[in-house]
Amino acid sequence: YVGEVTGTATQYYILGIPYGGRKWHSASTGNALINTQALDRAYNNALYDALNQKPDADFVLPLSSESVTNQAFLGRKVTLNVRAKAFKIKAK
């Protein structure tokens, strides 16, 4: 166990399609049931930021997430905060 980390990401959507932001970032999760490739781009970016807080961590296990949505006429802005625990695989 390395420690607790948090990650934040902001993503814009127009008609439900992600617009702008960072593409192709995803983090390793400790749970095989969570497929981060299928998740939302904002969630992937927030997990990626959380994993980068501890450079020696190998994966993160998401604990909770909180999102704030600002609705607009044809789109929305989502700010997502993720809290996770970071782990390192111990090599012999």
N, C-alpha and C. Protein backbone atom coordinates (compact mmCIF):
# COMPACT_ATOMS: atom_id res chain seq x y z
N TYR A 1 0.85 -1.18 0.00
CA TYR A 1 0.00 0.00 0.00
C TYR A 1 0.89 1.23 0.00
N VAL A 2 0.68 2.13 -0.95
CA VAL A 2 1.52 3.32 -1.08
C VAL A 2 0.86 4.52 -0.42
N GLY A 3 -0.45 4.66 -0.57
CA GLY A 3 -1.14 5.78 0.03
C GLY A 3 -2.44 6.10 -0.69
N GLU A 4 -3.13 7.10 -0.17
CA GLU A 4 -4.38 7.52 -0.77
C GLU A 4 -4.12 8.68 -1.72
N VAL A 5 -4.78 8.66 -2.87
CA VAL A 5 -4.57 9.66 -3.90
C VAL A 5 -5.91 10.19 -4.39
N THR A 6 -5.88 11.36 -4.99
CA THR A 6 -7.07 11.93 -5.60
C THR A 6 -6.72 12.41 -7.00
N GLY A 7 -7.68 12.39 -7.87
CA GLY A 7 -7.50 12.87 -9.23
C GLY A 7 -8.70 13.69 -9.65
N THR A 8 -8.45 14.69 -10.47
CA THR A 8 -9.50 15.58 -10.95
C THR A 8 -9.40 15.71 -12.46
N ALA A 9 -10.55 15.72 -13.11
CA ALA A 9 -10.59 15.92 -14.56
C ALA A 9 -11.82 16.73 -14.92
N THR A 10 -11.69 17.54 -15.95
CA THR A 10 -12.80 18.31 -16.48
C THR A 10 -12.99 17.91 -17.93
N GLN A 11 -14.22 17.62 -18.29
CA GLN A 11 -14.53 17.19 -19.65
C GLN A 11 -15.77 17.92 -20.15
N TYR A 12 -15.75 18.32 -21.41
CA TYR A 12 -16.89 18.97 -22.04
C TYR A 12 -17.56 17.98 -22.99
N TYR A 13 -18.87 18.05 -23.06
CA TYR A 13 -19.66 17.19 -23.94
C TYR A 13 -20.60 18.05 -24.76
N ILE A 14 -20.68 17.77 -26.06
CA ILE A 14 -21.63 18.42 -26.93
C ILE A 14 -22.50 17.33 -27.53
N LEU A 15 -23.79 17.38 -27.24
CA LEU A 15 -24.75 16.37 -27.67
C LEU A 15 -24.33 14.96 -27.23
N GLY A 16 -23.71 14.87 -26.06
CA GLY A 16 -23.30 13.58 -25.50
C GLY A 16 -21.97 13.06 -25.99
N ILE A 17 -21.30 13.79 -26.87
CA ILE A 17 -20.01 13.36 -27.42
C ILE A 17 -18.91 14.15 -26.71
N PRO A 18 -17.87 13.47 -26.20
CA PRO A 18 -16.78 14.19 -25.53
C PRO A 18 -16.07 15.14 -26.49
N TYR A 19 -15.80 16.35 -26.01
CA TYR A 19 -15.16 17.37 -26.83
C TYR A 19 -13.96 17.92 -26.06
N GLY A 20 -12.82 17.98 -26.71
CA GLY A 20 -11.63 18.54 -26.07
C GLY A 20 -11.11 17.62 -24.98
N GLY A 21 -10.29 18.17 -24.13
CA GLY A 21 -9.72 17.38 -23.04
C GLY A 21 -8.62 16.46 -23.53
N ARG A 22 -8.16 15.63 -22.65
CA ARG A 22 -7.08 14.69 -22.97
C ARG A 22 -7.65 13.38 -23.47
N LYS A 23 -7.05 12.85 -24.52
CA LYS A 23 -7.48 11.56 -25.07
C LYS A 23 -6.44 10.50 -24.73
N TRP A 24 -6.87 9.28 -24.73
CA TRP A 24 -6.00 8.10 -24.62
C TRP A 24 -5.24 7.99 -23.31
N HIS A 25 -5.75 8.55 -22.24
CA HIS A 25 -5.15 8.35 -20.92
C HIS A 25 -6.03 7.39 -20.14
N SER A 26 -5.43 6.38 -19.56
CA SER A 26 -6.16 5.48 -18.67
C SER A 26 -5.17 4.94 -17.63
N ALA A 27 -5.70 4.53 -16.50
CA ALA A 27 -4.87 4.05 -15.40
C ALA A 27 -5.14 2.59 -15.15
N SER A 28 -4.18 1.91 -14.57
CA SER A 28 -4.37 0.52 -14.16
C SER A 28 -5.15 0.48 -12.87
N THR A 29 -6.20 -0.34 -12.85
CA THR A 29 -6.98 -0.49 -11.63
C THR A 29 -6.73 -1.88 -11.07
N GLY A 30 -6.89 -2.01 -9.78
CA GLY A 30 -6.64 -3.28 -9.12
C GLY A 30 -7.79 -4.26 -9.27
N ASN A 31 -8.90 -3.82 -9.83
CA ASN A 31 -10.07 -4.67 -9.95
C ASN A 31 -10.23 -5.09 -11.40
N ALA A 32 -10.20 -6.37 -11.68
CA ALA A 32 -10.35 -6.87 -13.04
C ALA A 32 -11.77 -6.65 -13.57
N LEU A 33 -12.73 -6.39 -12.69
CA LEU A 33 -14.10 -6.17 -13.12
C LEU A 33 -14.31 -4.78 -13.69
N ILE A 34 -13.38 -3.86 -13.43
CA ILE A 34 -13.50 -2.50 -13.94
C ILE A 34 -12.68 -2.40 -15.22
N ASN A 35 -13.35 -2.21 -16.33
CA ASN A 35 -12.68 -2.02 -17.61
C ASN A 35 -12.60 -0.53 -17.88
N THR A 36 -11.43 0.07 -17.68
CA THR A 36 -11.31 1.52 -17.80
C THR A 36 -11.45 1.99 -19.24
N GLN A 37 -11.21 1.11 -20.21
CA GLN A 37 -11.35 1.52 -21.60
C GLN A 37 -12.81 1.80 -21.95
N ALA A 38 -13.73 1.12 -21.29
CA ALA A 38 -15.16 1.30 -21.58
C ALA A 38 -15.76 2.46 -20.79
N LEU A 39 -15.03 2.99 -19.83
CA LEU A 39 -15.56 4.05 -18.99
C LEU A 39 -15.45 5.40 -19.68
N ASP A 40 -16.01 6.36 -19.07
CA ASP A 40 -16.04 7.72 -19.54
C ASP A 40 -14.63 8.32 -19.61
N ARG A 41 -14.39 9.21 -20.55
CA ARG A 41 -13.08 9.84 -20.72
C ARG A 41 -12.69 10.65 -19.48
N ALA A 42 -13.64 11.32 -18.86
CA ALA A 42 -13.34 12.10 -17.66
C ALA A 42 -12.90 11.19 -16.52
N TYR A 43 -13.55 10.04 -16.37
CA TYR A 43 -13.19 9.09 -15.31
C TYR A 43 -11.78 8.53 -15.56
N ASN A 44 -11.48 8.20 -16.81
CA ASN A 44 -10.14 7.71 -17.14
C ASN A 44 -9.07 8.75 -16.84
N ASN A 45 -9.34 10.01 -17.18
CA ASN A 45 -8.36 11.08 -16.92
C ASN A 45 -8.18 11.32 -15.43
N ALA A 46 -9.25 11.25 -14.66
CA ALA A 46 -9.14 11.44 -13.21
C ALA A 46 -8.35 10.30 -12.57
N LEU A 47 -8.58 9.07 -13.00
CA LEU A 47 -7.79 7.94 -12.49
C LEU A 47 -6.33 8.05 -12.89
N TYR A 48 -6.08 8.51 -14.10
CA TYR A 48 -4.71 8.70 -14.57
C TYR A 48 -3.98 9.74 -13.72
N ASP A 49 -4.67 10.85 -13.41
CA ASP A 49 -4.07 11.87 -12.55
C ASP A 49 -3.80 11.32 -11.15
N ALA A 50 -4.71 10.50 -10.63
CA ALA A 50 -4.51 9.92 -9.30
C ALA A 50 -3.30 8.98 -9.30
N LEU A 51 -3.15 8.17 -10.34
CA LEU A 51 -2.01 7.25 -10.42
C LEU A 51 -0.70 8.01 -10.54
N ASN A 52 -0.70 9.13 -11.22
CA ASN A 52 0.53 9.91 -11.39
C ASN A 52 0.94 10.67 -10.14
N GLN A 53 0.08 10.76 -9.14
CA GLN A 53 0.46 11.43 -7.89
C GLN A 53 1.51 10.64 -7.13
N LYS A 54 1.49 9.34 -7.25
CA LYS A 54 2.48 8.48 -6.60
C LYS A 54 3.28 7.78 -7.70
N PRO A 55 4.46 8.27 -8.04
CA PRO A 55 5.23 7.70 -9.16
C PRO A 55 5.62 6.24 -8.96
N ASP A 56 5.74 5.79 -7.73
CA ASP A 56 6.14 4.40 -7.50
C ASP A 56 4.95 3.45 -7.43
N ALA A 57 3.73 3.93 -7.62
CA ALA A 57 2.54 3.07 -7.57
C ALA A 57 2.36 2.35 -8.90
N ASP A 58 1.89 1.10 -8.83
CA ASP A 58 1.64 0.31 -10.02
C ASP A 58 0.18 0.35 -10.46
N PHE A 59 -0.74 0.46 -9.52
CA PHE A 59 -2.16 0.53 -9.86
C PHE A 59 -2.92 1.24 -8.76
N VAL A 60 -4.13 1.66 -9.08
CA VAL A 60 -5.00 2.31 -8.10
C VAL A 60 -6.30 1.53 -7.99
N LEU A 61 -6.89 1.62 -6.83
CA LEU A 61 -8.19 0.99 -6.57
C LEU A 61 -9.17 2.12 -6.24
N PRO A 62 -10.09 2.44 -7.16
CA PRO A 62 -11.01 3.56 -6.93
C PRO A 62 -11.92 3.30 -5.74
N LEU A 63 -12.06 4.31 -4.89
CA LEU A 63 -12.94 4.22 -3.73
C LEU A 63 -14.24 4.97 -3.95
N SER A 64 -14.13 6.21 -4.39
CA SER A 64 -15.34 7.02 -4.60
C SER A 64 -15.08 8.06 -5.68
N SER A 65 -16.17 8.56 -6.23
CA SER A 65 -16.07 9.63 -7.20
C SER A 65 -17.20 10.62 -6.97
N GLU A 66 -16.90 11.86 -7.28
CA GLU A 66 -17.88 12.93 -7.12
C GLU A 66 -17.83 13.78 -8.37
N SER A 67 -18.98 14.05 -8.94
CA SER A 67 -19.01 14.85 -10.16
C SER A 67 -19.91 16.06 -10.00
N VAL A 68 -19.50 17.14 -10.65
CA VAL A 68 -20.28 18.37 -10.70
C VAL A 68 -20.55 18.64 -12.17
N THR A 69 -21.83 18.77 -12.54
CA THR A 69 -22.21 18.97 -13.92
C THR A 69 -22.82 20.35 -14.09
N ASN A 70 -22.29 21.10 -15.05
CA ASN A 70 -22.85 22.38 -15.44
C ASN A 70 -23.51 22.19 -16.79
N GLN A 71 -24.83 22.28 -16.82
CA GLN A 71 -25.59 22.03 -18.04
C GLN A 71 -25.65 23.30 -18.89
N ALA A 72 -25.51 23.14 -20.20
CA ALA A 72 -25.62 24.24 -21.15
C ALA A 72 -26.71 23.87 -22.17
N PHE A 73 -26.87 24.70 -23.20
CA PHE A 73 -27.94 24.48 -24.17
C PHE A 73 -27.80 23.15 -24.90
N LEU A 74 -26.68 22.91 -25.56
CA LEU A 74 -26.49 21.66 -26.30
C LEU A 74 -25.40 20.78 -25.70
N GLY A 75 -24.92 21.12 -24.55
CA GLY A 75 -23.83 20.34 -23.97
C GLY A 75 -23.76 20.50 -22.48
N ARG A 76 -22.65 20.03 -21.94
CA ARG A 76 -22.45 20.12 -20.51
C ARG A 76 -20.95 20.07 -20.19
N LYS A 77 -20.61 20.54 -19.02
CA LYS A 77 -19.24 20.49 -18.51
C LYS A 77 -19.28 19.66 -17.24
N VAL A 78 -18.45 18.62 -17.19
CA VAL A 78 -18.41 17.72 -16.05
C VAL A 78 -17.03 17.82 -15.39
N THR A 79 -17.02 18.11 -14.10
CA THR A 79 -15.79 18.09 -13.31
C THR A 79 -15.89 16.91 -12.36
N LEU A 80 -14.94 16.00 -12.46
CA LEU A 80 -14.98 14.75 -11.72
C LEU A 80 -13.80 14.67 -10.77
N ASN A 81 -14.07 14.35 -9.51
CA ASN A 81 -13.04 14.11 -8.50
C ASN A 81 -13.10 12.65 -8.10
N VAL A 82 -11.98 11.97 -8.17
CA VAL A 82 -11.89 10.55 -7.83
C VAL A 82 -10.94 10.38 -6.66
N ARG A 83 -11.35 9.59 -5.68
CA ARG A 83 -10.49 9.24 -4.55
C ARG A 83 -10.16 7.76 -4.68
N ALA A 84 -8.87 7.42 -4.54
CA ALA A 84 -8.44 6.03 -4.73
C ALA A 84 -7.29 5.71 -3.79
N LYS A 85 -7.02 4.43 -3.67
CA LYS A 85 -5.85 3.95 -2.93
C LYS A 85 -4.84 3.44 -3.95
N ALA A 86 -3.57 3.81 -3.76
CA ALA A 86 -2.51 3.42 -4.66
C ALA A 86 -1.72 2.24 -4.05
N PHE A 87 -1.37 1.30 -4.91
CA PHE A 87 -0.64 0.11 -4.48
C PHE A 87 0.56 -0.12 -5.38
N LYS A 88 1.57 -0.76 -4.81
CA LYS A 88 2.75 -1.17 -5.55
C LYS A 88 2.90 -2.67 -5.42
N ILE A 89 3.19 -3.32 -6.52
CA ILE A 89 3.40 -4.77 -6.49
C ILE A 89 4.81 -5.02 -5.98
N LYS A 90 4.89 -5.81 -4.93
CA LYS A 90 6.17 -6.08 -4.30
C LYS A 90 6.88 -7.19 -5.07
N ALA A 91 8.06 -6.91 -5.57
CA ALA A 91 8.85 -7.90 -6.29
C ALA A 91 9.85 -8.55 -5.36
N LYS A 92 10.06 -9.84 -5.52
CA LYS A 92 11.01 -10.55 -4.64
C LYS A 92 12.41 -10.44 -5.15
